[in-house]
Amino acid sequence: MASLLNDYTPLLLRIMLVVLFPFSALDKIVNWSAAMKQAGETPLAPAMLVAAIVLELVAPACIVTGWYDRLAAFLLAGFCVVTALLYHQFWRHADFWRFREGEGLQHFWEFLKNFGLVGGLGLIVLAPRTLPATEALRAPFSSSYVAGPEAGAVVPPR
């Protein structure tokens, strides 16, 4: 049982990290006109939308299968940054500055979610190896180094 847990937890976590992207691609395909409206009225909008759909379909598959997963995670993280900056400009909405329910606050949370995804994808890029799940369960309150040459290593107990 421990071997199954150690062998398949990283795969399950990768699936959970990227599961929304294929559905986002499907939404763009099914609701093409709405996606075009959101993309903007530029001559490059259709090509950008097709590129986004391809990225949202291919990159998650690469991340889940481990095939060029670091490159795929890097590209998908960049996509999340661009999406946050272009389409979730919370600072442009007056209601955000009053921190009241409204479009600005909704974009604020979407902006932060995008950067949360960037963090998770960044871990795929920089730290593709995962701690065995049984070791994490054995010492659930242990810590890890977050910076420096030992980043990612478990801090020895004192």
N, C-alpha and C. Protein backbone atom coordinates (compact mmCIF):
# COMPACT_ATOMS: atom_id res chain seq x y z
N MET A 1 0.82 -1.20 0.00
CA MET A 1 0.00 0.00 0.00
C MET A 1 0.86 1.26 0.00
N ALA A 2 1.95 1.25 0.79
CA ALA A 2 2.84 2.41 0.86
C ALA A 2 3.47 2.69 -0.51
N SER A 3 3.80 1.61 -1.21
CA SER A 3 4.40 1.78 -2.53
C SER A 3 3.41 2.44 -3.50
N LEU A 4 2.15 2.03 -3.46
CA LEU A 4 1.13 2.64 -4.31
C LEU A 4 0.98 4.13 -3.98
N LEU A 5 0.97 4.43 -2.70
CA LEU A 5 0.84 5.82 -2.26
C LEU A 5 2.02 6.65 -2.77
N ASN A 6 3.22 6.13 -2.61
CA ASN A 6 4.41 6.85 -3.07
C ASN A 6 4.47 6.96 -4.58
N ASP A 7 4.04 5.91 -5.28
CA ASP A 7 4.14 5.87 -6.74
C ASP A 7 3.11 6.76 -7.43
N TYR A 8 1.91 6.88 -6.88
CA TYR A 8 0.84 7.55 -7.62
C TYR A 8 0.40 8.90 -7.05
N THR A 9 0.84 9.27 -5.87
CA THR A 9 0.49 10.59 -5.33
C THR A 9 1.03 11.72 -6.21
N PRO A 10 2.30 11.68 -6.66
CA PRO A 10 2.77 12.77 -7.53
C PRO A 10 1.95 12.90 -8.81
N LEU A 11 1.54 11.78 -9.39
CA LEU A 11 0.71 11.82 -10.60
C LEU A 11 -0.64 12.47 -10.30
N LEU A 12 -1.26 12.07 -9.21
CA LEU A 12 -2.54 12.64 -8.83
C LEU A 12 -2.43 14.15 -8.59
N LEU A 13 -1.36 14.57 -7.94
CA LEU A 13 -1.16 16.00 -7.69
C LEU A 13 -0.95 16.77 -8.99
N ARG A 14 -0.23 16.18 -9.93
CA ARG A 14 -0.04 16.84 -11.24
C ARG A 14 -1.38 16.98 -11.97
N ILE A 15 -2.18 15.93 -11.92
CA ILE A 15 -3.51 16.00 -12.55
C ILE A 15 -4.33 17.11 -11.92
N MET A 16 -4.33 17.17 -10.59
CA MET A 16 -5.10 18.20 -9.89
C MET A 16 -4.60 19.60 -10.22
N LEU A 17 -3.31 19.76 -10.43
CA LEU A 17 -2.73 21.06 -10.74
C LEU A 17 -3.19 21.58 -12.10
N VAL A 18 -3.34 20.69 -13.08
CA VAL A 18 -3.60 21.14 -14.46
C VAL A 18 -5.00 20.82 -14.98
N VAL A 19 -5.86 20.23 -14.16
CA VAL A 19 -7.15 19.76 -14.64
C VAL A 19 -8.02 20.86 -15.24
N LEU A 20 -7.87 22.08 -14.79
CA LEU A 20 -8.75 23.14 -15.30
C LEU A 20 -8.41 23.57 -16.73
N PHE A 21 -7.18 23.38 -17.16
CA PHE A 21 -6.77 23.89 -18.47
C PHE A 21 -7.47 23.21 -19.65
N PRO A 22 -7.58 21.89 -19.70
CA PRO A 22 -8.32 21.30 -20.83
C PRO A 22 -9.79 21.75 -20.87
N PHE A 23 -10.40 21.93 -19.69
CA PHE A 23 -11.78 22.42 -19.66
C PHE A 23 -11.86 23.86 -20.15
N SER A 24 -10.84 24.64 -19.84
CA SER A 24 -10.78 26.02 -20.33
C SER A 24 -10.66 26.03 -21.86
N ALA A 25 -9.85 25.12 -22.39
CA ALA A 25 -9.71 25.01 -23.85
C ALA A 25 -11.04 24.60 -24.48
N LEU A 26 -11.70 23.64 -23.88
CA LEU A 26 -13.00 23.19 -24.38
C LEU A 26 -14.01 24.34 -24.36
N ASP A 27 -14.01 25.12 -23.29
CA ASP A 27 -14.90 26.27 -23.20
C ASP A 27 -14.63 27.26 -24.33
N LYS A 28 -13.37 27.49 -24.64
CA LYS A 28 -13.02 28.41 -25.74
C LYS A 28 -13.51 27.87 -27.08
N ILE A 29 -13.45 26.57 -27.27
CA ILE A 29 -13.90 25.95 -28.51
C ILE A 29 -15.43 26.04 -28.62
N VAL A 30 -16.11 25.63 -27.57
CA VAL A 30 -17.57 25.59 -27.57
C VAL A 30 -18.17 27.00 -27.63
N ASN A 31 -17.53 27.94 -26.93
CA ASN A 31 -18.02 29.32 -26.87
C ASN A 31 -17.06 30.26 -27.59
N TRP A 32 -16.74 29.90 -28.83
CA TRP A 32 -15.75 30.64 -29.61
C TRP A 32 -16.05 32.13 -29.66
N SER A 33 -17.27 32.53 -29.93
CA SER A 33 -17.57 33.96 -30.09
C SER A 33 -17.35 34.72 -28.79
N ALA A 34 -17.71 34.13 -27.67
CA ALA A 34 -17.46 34.79 -26.37
C ALA A 34 -15.95 34.88 -26.10
N ALA A 35 -15.22 33.83 -26.46
CA ALA A 35 -13.77 33.84 -26.28
C ALA A 35 -13.13 34.90 -27.16
N MET A 36 -13.63 35.03 -28.39
CA MET A 36 -13.11 36.07 -29.30
C MET A 36 -13.39 37.46 -28.74
N LYS A 37 -14.56 37.64 -28.18
CA LYS A 37 -14.92 38.94 -27.60
C LYS A 37 -13.96 39.27 -26.45
N GLN A 38 -13.68 38.28 -25.60
CA GLN A 38 -12.76 38.51 -24.48
C GLN A 38 -11.34 38.75 -24.98
N ALA A 39 -10.93 38.07 -26.05
CA ALA A 39 -9.58 38.22 -26.58
C ALA A 39 -9.34 39.62 -27.15
N GLY A 40 -10.40 40.27 -27.59
CA GLY A 40 -10.25 41.62 -28.11
C GLY A 40 -10.36 41.65 -29.62
N GLU A 41 -10.58 42.82 -30.12
CA GLU A 41 -10.79 43.02 -31.56
C GLU A 41 -9.46 43.38 -32.24
N THR A 42 -8.55 42.45 -32.28
CA THR A 42 -7.28 42.67 -32.98
C THR A 42 -7.15 41.61 -34.07
N PRO A 43 -6.39 41.90 -35.09
CA PRO A 43 -6.21 40.91 -36.16
C PRO A 43 -5.56 39.61 -35.67
N LEU A 44 -4.79 39.70 -34.59
CA LEU A 44 -4.10 38.50 -34.07
C LEU A 44 -4.97 37.68 -33.12
N ALA A 45 -6.14 38.18 -32.75
CA ALA A 45 -6.98 37.50 -31.76
C ALA A 45 -7.29 36.04 -32.12
N PRO A 46 -7.71 35.73 -33.35
CA PRO A 46 -7.99 34.32 -33.65
C PRO A 46 -6.76 33.42 -33.50
N ALA A 47 -5.62 33.88 -33.95
CA ALA A 47 -4.39 33.08 -33.83
C ALA A 47 -3.99 32.92 -32.37
N MET A 48 -4.14 33.99 -31.59
CA MET A 48 -3.82 33.90 -30.16
C MET A 48 -4.76 32.94 -29.45
N LEU A 49 -6.02 32.95 -29.83
CA LEU A 49 -6.99 32.06 -29.22
C LEU A 49 -6.69 30.60 -29.56
N VAL A 50 -6.35 30.34 -30.80
CA VAL A 50 -5.98 28.97 -31.20
C VAL A 50 -4.71 28.53 -30.46
N ALA A 51 -3.74 29.42 -30.33
CA ALA A 51 -2.51 29.09 -29.59
C ALA A 51 -2.83 28.78 -28.13
N ALA A 52 -3.73 29.55 -27.53
CA ALA A 52 -4.12 29.31 -26.14
C ALA A 52 -4.79 27.94 -26.00
N ILE A 53 -5.66 27.61 -26.94
CA ILE A 53 -6.35 26.32 -26.90
C ILE A 53 -5.34 25.17 -27.01
N VAL A 54 -4.42 25.29 -27.95
CA VAL A 54 -3.40 24.23 -28.12
C VAL A 54 -2.57 24.10 -26.85
N LEU A 55 -2.13 25.22 -26.30
CA LEU A 55 -1.33 25.18 -25.07
C LEU A 55 -2.11 24.56 -23.92
N GLU A 56 -3.39 24.93 -23.78
CA GLU A 56 -4.20 24.41 -22.68
C GLU A 56 -4.53 22.92 -22.85
N LEU A 57 -4.39 22.40 -24.04
CA LEU A 57 -4.60 20.96 -24.25
C LEU A 57 -3.30 20.17 -24.18
N VAL A 58 -2.24 20.69 -24.79
CA VAL A 58 -1.00 19.93 -24.89
C VAL A 58 -0.16 20.01 -23.60
N ALA A 59 0.00 21.20 -23.04
CA ALA A 59 0.87 21.34 -21.86
C ALA A 59 0.40 20.47 -20.68
N PRO A 60 -0.89 20.44 -20.34
CA PRO A 60 -1.29 19.56 -19.24
C PRO A 60 -1.00 18.08 -19.53
N ALA A 61 -1.20 17.66 -20.76
CA ALA A 61 -0.88 16.27 -21.11
C ALA A 61 0.60 15.99 -20.90
N CYS A 62 1.45 16.94 -21.27
CA CYS A 62 2.90 16.78 -21.08
C CYS A 62 3.24 16.73 -19.59
N ILE A 63 2.62 17.58 -18.80
CA ILE A 63 2.89 17.63 -17.36
C ILE A 63 2.46 16.33 -16.69
N VAL A 64 1.30 15.82 -17.06
CA VAL A 64 0.79 14.60 -16.45
C VAL A 64 1.61 13.38 -16.86
N THR A 65 2.04 13.33 -18.11
CA THR A 65 2.80 12.16 -18.58
C THR A 65 4.30 12.26 -18.32
N GLY A 66 4.78 13.47 -17.99
CA GLY A 66 6.21 13.65 -17.76
C GLY A 66 7.00 13.85 -19.04
N TRP A 67 6.35 14.06 -20.15
CA TRP A 67 7.02 14.26 -21.44
C TRP A 67 7.23 15.76 -21.64
N TYR A 68 8.47 16.20 -21.59
CA TYR A 68 8.80 17.62 -21.65
C TYR A 68 7.99 18.42 -20.63
N ASP A 69 7.83 17.83 -19.46
CA ASP A 69 6.97 18.43 -18.44
C ASP A 69 7.49 19.76 -17.91
N ARG A 70 8.80 19.90 -17.80
CA ARG A 70 9.34 21.15 -17.28
C ARG A 70 9.11 22.30 -18.26
N LEU A 71 9.33 22.06 -19.54
CA LEU A 71 9.07 23.07 -20.55
C LEU A 71 7.58 23.40 -20.60
N ALA A 72 6.74 22.38 -20.56
CA ALA A 72 5.28 22.59 -20.59
C ALA A 72 4.84 23.41 -19.39
N ALA A 73 5.36 23.11 -18.22
CA ALA A 73 5.00 23.86 -17.00
C ALA A 73 5.48 25.30 -17.11
N PHE A 74 6.67 25.51 -17.67
CA PHE A 74 7.20 26.87 -17.85
C PHE A 74 6.29 27.67 -18.79
N LEU A 75 5.90 27.07 -19.91
CA LEU A 75 5.03 27.76 -20.87
C LEU A 75 3.65 28.03 -20.28
N LEU A 76 3.11 27.07 -19.56
CA LEU A 76 1.79 27.25 -18.95
C LEU A 76 1.84 28.31 -17.85
N ALA A 77 2.94 28.36 -17.11
CA ALA A 77 3.10 29.40 -16.08
C ALA A 77 3.14 30.78 -16.74
N GLY A 78 3.88 30.90 -17.83
CA GLY A 78 3.91 32.17 -18.57
C GLY A 78 2.54 32.56 -19.07
N PHE A 79 1.79 31.58 -19.55
CA PHE A 79 0.41 31.81 -20.01
C PHE A 79 -0.44 32.35 -18.86
N CYS A 80 -0.28 31.79 -17.67
CA CYS A 80 -1.04 32.25 -16.50
C CYS A 80 -0.68 33.68 -16.13
N VAL A 81 0.59 34.04 -16.21
CA VAL A 81 1.02 35.42 -15.92
C VAL A 81 0.39 36.38 -16.94
N VAL A 82 0.50 36.05 -18.22
CA VAL A 82 -0.05 36.92 -19.26
C VAL A 82 -1.56 37.05 -19.09
N THR A 83 -2.24 35.94 -18.84
CA THR A 83 -3.69 35.97 -18.65
C THR A 83 -4.06 36.85 -17.47
N ALA A 84 -3.34 36.73 -16.37
CA ALA A 84 -3.63 37.55 -15.19
C ALA A 84 -3.45 39.03 -15.50
N LEU A 85 -2.36 39.36 -16.16
CA LEU A 85 -2.07 40.77 -16.43
C LEU A 85 -2.99 41.38 -17.49
N LEU A 86 -3.42 40.59 -18.47
CA LEU A 86 -4.27 41.13 -19.53
C LEU A 86 -5.75 41.10 -19.19
N TYR A 87 -6.21 40.06 -18.51
CA TYR A 87 -7.65 39.86 -18.36
C TYR A 87 -8.16 39.97 -16.93
N HIS A 88 -7.31 40.17 -15.96
CA HIS A 88 -7.76 40.29 -14.57
C HIS A 88 -7.16 41.54 -13.93
N GLN A 89 -7.32 42.66 -14.58
CA GLN A 89 -6.76 43.93 -14.11
C GLN A 89 -7.67 44.53 -13.04
N PHE A 90 -7.62 43.94 -11.87
CA PHE A 90 -8.47 44.34 -10.76
C PHE A 90 -8.30 45.80 -10.38
N TRP A 91 -7.10 46.33 -10.56
CA TRP A 91 -6.78 47.69 -10.15
C TRP A 91 -7.52 48.74 -10.98
N ARG A 92 -8.08 48.34 -12.11
CA ARG A 92 -8.80 49.28 -12.97
C ARG A 92 -10.27 49.48 -12.55
N HIS A 93 -10.73 48.72 -11.60
CA HIS A 93 -12.13 48.78 -11.18
C HIS A 93 -12.24 49.57 -9.87
N ALA A 94 -13.04 50.61 -9.89
CA ALA A 94 -13.19 51.48 -8.72
C ALA A 94 -13.71 50.72 -7.51
N ASP A 95 -14.58 49.73 -7.73
CA ASP A 95 -15.13 49.00 -6.58
C ASP A 95 -14.06 48.18 -5.85
N PHE A 96 -12.98 47.83 -6.52
CA PHE A 96 -11.93 47.07 -5.85
C PHE A 96 -11.31 47.89 -4.72
N TRP A 97 -11.08 49.14 -4.95
CA TRP A 97 -10.39 49.99 -3.98
C TRP A 97 -11.23 50.24 -2.73
N ARG A 98 -12.52 49.95 -2.80
CA ARG A 98 -13.36 50.00 -1.61
C ARG A 98 -13.47 48.60 -0.98
N PHE A 99 -12.83 47.63 -1.61
CA PHE A 99 -12.83 46.21 -1.20
C PHE A 99 -14.24 45.73 -0.92
N ARG A 100 -15.10 46.03 -1.87
CA ARG A 100 -16.49 45.60 -1.80
C ARG A 100 -16.74 44.60 -2.91
N GLU A 101 -17.75 43.79 -2.69
CA GLU A 101 -18.14 42.81 -3.70
C GLU A 101 -18.39 43.51 -5.03
N GLY A 102 -17.83 42.97 -6.08
CA GLY A 102 -18.00 43.56 -7.39
C GLY A 102 -17.00 42.97 -8.36
N GLU A 103 -16.98 43.56 -9.54
CA GLU A 103 -16.12 43.04 -10.61
C GLU A 103 -14.63 43.14 -10.25
N GLY A 104 -14.23 44.23 -9.61
CA GLY A 104 -12.83 44.40 -9.24
C GLY A 104 -12.35 43.33 -8.28
N LEU A 105 -13.16 43.04 -7.27
CA LEU A 105 -12.79 42.02 -6.29
C LEU A 105 -12.76 40.64 -6.93
N GLN A 106 -13.70 40.39 -7.82
CA GLN A 106 -13.72 39.11 -8.54
C GLN A 106 -12.44 38.95 -9.37
N HIS A 107 -12.01 39.99 -10.06
CA HIS A 107 -10.76 39.93 -10.84
C HIS A 107 -9.55 39.79 -9.92
N PHE A 108 -9.59 40.40 -8.75
CA PHE A 108 -8.50 40.28 -7.79
C PHE A 108 -8.27 38.81 -7.42
N TRP A 109 -9.37 38.10 -7.10
CA TRP A 109 -9.23 36.69 -6.73
C TRP A 109 -8.77 35.85 -7.91
N GLU A 110 -9.25 36.15 -9.11
CA GLU A 110 -8.79 35.42 -10.30
C GLU A 110 -7.31 35.68 -10.56
N PHE A 111 -6.89 36.92 -10.37
CA PHE A 111 -5.48 37.31 -10.53
C PHE A 111 -4.61 36.48 -9.59
N LEU A 112 -5.03 36.42 -8.31
CA LEU A 112 -4.25 35.66 -7.32
C LEU A 112 -4.27 34.16 -7.62
N LYS A 113 -5.39 33.63 -8.08
CA LYS A 113 -5.45 32.21 -8.45
C LYS A 113 -4.48 31.90 -9.58
N ASN A 114 -4.40 32.80 -10.55
CA ASN A 114 -3.45 32.59 -11.64
C ASN A 114 -2.03 32.50 -11.10
N PHE A 115 -1.67 33.38 -10.17
CA PHE A 115 -0.32 33.34 -9.63
C PHE A 115 -0.10 32.15 -8.69
N GLY A 116 -1.17 31.65 -8.08
CA GLY A 116 -1.06 30.40 -7.33
C GLY A 116 -0.71 29.25 -8.27
N LEU A 117 -1.34 29.24 -9.45
CA LEU A 117 -1.00 28.23 -10.46
C LEU A 117 0.44 28.39 -10.93
N VAL A 118 0.89 29.63 -11.09
CA VAL A 118 2.28 29.87 -11.48
C VAL A 118 3.22 29.24 -10.46
N GLY A 119 2.91 29.38 -9.18
CA GLY A 119 3.73 28.77 -8.13
C GLY A 119 3.78 27.26 -8.24
N GLY A 120 2.62 26.64 -8.41
CA GLY A 120 2.58 25.18 -8.54
C GLY A 120 3.31 24.71 -9.78
N LEU A 121 3.12 25.40 -10.90
CA LEU A 121 3.81 25.04 -12.14
C LEU A 121 5.31 25.28 -12.01
N GLY A 122 5.68 26.33 -11.29
CA GLY A 122 7.10 26.59 -11.04
C GLY A 122 7.77 25.46 -10.29
N LEU A 123 7.03 24.82 -9.39
CA LEU A 123 7.59 23.67 -8.68
C LEU A 123 7.83 22.50 -9.63
N ILE A 124 6.99 22.35 -10.64
CA ILE A 124 7.23 21.30 -11.65
C ILE A 124 8.51 21.62 -12.42
N VAL A 125 8.71 22.91 -12.72
CA VAL A 125 9.91 23.32 -13.47
C VAL A 125 11.17 23.10 -12.64
N LEU A 126 11.16 23.54 -11.40
CA LEU A 126 12.37 23.56 -10.58
C LEU A 126 12.57 22.34 -9.69
N ALA A 127 11.48 21.70 -9.31
CA ALA A 127 11.59 20.59 -8.36
C ALA A 127 10.71 19.43 -8.81
N PRO A 128 11.04 18.80 -9.92
CA PRO A 128 10.16 17.74 -10.44
C PRO A 128 10.11 16.49 -9.57
N ARG A 129 11.10 16.29 -8.71
CA ARG A 129 11.07 15.12 -7.82
C ARG A 129 10.25 15.47 -6.59
N THR A 130 9.47 14.52 -6.14
CA THR A 130 8.65 14.76 -4.96
C THR A 130 9.09 13.87 -3.82
N LEU A 131 8.86 14.36 -2.63
CA LEU A 131 9.12 13.59 -1.42
C LEU A 131 8.17 12.40 -1.41
N PRO A 132 8.63 11.23 -1.03
CA PRO A 132 7.70 10.10 -0.95
C PRO A 132 6.55 10.44 0.01
N ALA A 133 5.33 10.12 -0.39
CA ALA A 133 4.16 10.45 0.42
C ALA A 133 4.26 9.83 1.81
N THR A 134 4.81 8.63 1.91
CA THR A 134 4.92 7.98 3.22
C THR A 134 5.86 8.74 4.15
N GLU A 135 6.90 9.35 3.57
CA GLU A 135 7.81 10.16 4.39
C GLU A 135 7.11 11.42 4.89
N ALA A 136 6.30 12.03 4.03
CA ALA A 136 5.54 13.22 4.45
C ALA A 136 4.54 12.85 5.53
N LEU A 137 3.92 11.69 5.41
CA LEU A 137 2.96 11.24 6.43
C LEU A 137 3.65 10.87 7.74
N ARG A 138 4.86 10.35 7.62
CA ARG A 138 5.62 9.94 8.80
C ARG A 138 6.05 11.15 9.63
N ALA A 139 6.33 12.27 8.98
CA ALA A 139 6.75 13.48 9.69
C ALA A 139 5.96 14.67 9.14
N PRO A 140 4.65 14.74 9.42
CA PRO A 140 3.81 15.78 8.80
C PRO A 140 4.14 17.20 9.23
N PHE A 141 4.85 17.36 10.33
CA PHE A 141 5.17 18.71 10.81
C PHE A 141 6.62 19.10 10.55
N SER A 142 7.29 18.33 9.68
CA SER A 142 8.67 18.68 9.35
C SER A 142 8.69 19.89 8.42
N SER A 143 9.83 20.49 8.30
CA SER A 143 9.98 21.69 7.47
C SER A 143 10.97 21.42 6.35
N SER A 144 11.02 22.32 5.39
CA SER A 144 12.01 22.22 4.33
C SER A 144 12.68 23.57 4.13
N TYR A 145 13.88 23.52 3.61
CA TYR A 145 14.59 24.74 3.27
C TYR A 145 13.90 25.35 2.05
N VAL A 146 13.68 26.65 2.08
CA VAL A 146 12.99 27.30 0.96
C VAL A 146 13.91 28.11 0.07
N ALA A 147 15.14 28.31 0.49
CA ALA A 147 16.09 29.09 -0.31
C ALA A 147 17.49 28.56 -0.08
N GLY A 148 18.39 28.97 -0.95
CA GLY A 148 19.80 28.58 -0.80
C GLY A 148 20.10 27.25 -1.44
N PRO A 149 21.33 26.77 -1.24
CA PRO A 149 21.76 25.55 -1.93
C PRO A 149 21.02 24.29 -1.47
N GLU A 150 20.37 24.34 -0.30
CA GLU A 150 19.64 23.16 0.19
C GLU A 150 18.14 23.28 -0.04
N ALA A 151 17.71 24.23 -0.86
CA ALA A 151 16.28 24.45 -1.10
C ALA A 151 15.60 23.14 -1.49
N GLY A 152 14.51 22.85 -0.82
CA GLY A 152 13.75 21.64 -1.08
C GLY A 152 14.09 20.49 -0.17
N ALA A 153 15.27 20.53 0.44
CA ALA A 153 15.67 19.45 1.35
C ALA A 153 14.94 19.61 2.69
N VAL A 154 14.72 18.47 3.35
CA VAL A 154 14.05 18.48 4.65
C VAL A 154 15.03 18.99 5.70
N VAL A 155 14.53 19.90 6.54
CA VAL A 155 15.33 20.42 7.64
C VAL A 155 15.43 19.33 8.71
N PRO A 156 16.64 18.99 9.15
CA PRO A 156 16.76 17.93 10.18
C PRO A 156 16.10 18.39 11.49
N PRO A 157 15.48 17.46 12.22
CA PRO A 157 14.86 17.83 13.50
C PRO A 157 15.92 18.28 14.48
N ARG A 158 15.53 19.16 15.38
CA ARG A 158 16.49 19.68 16.38
C ARG A 158 16.37 18.94 17.68
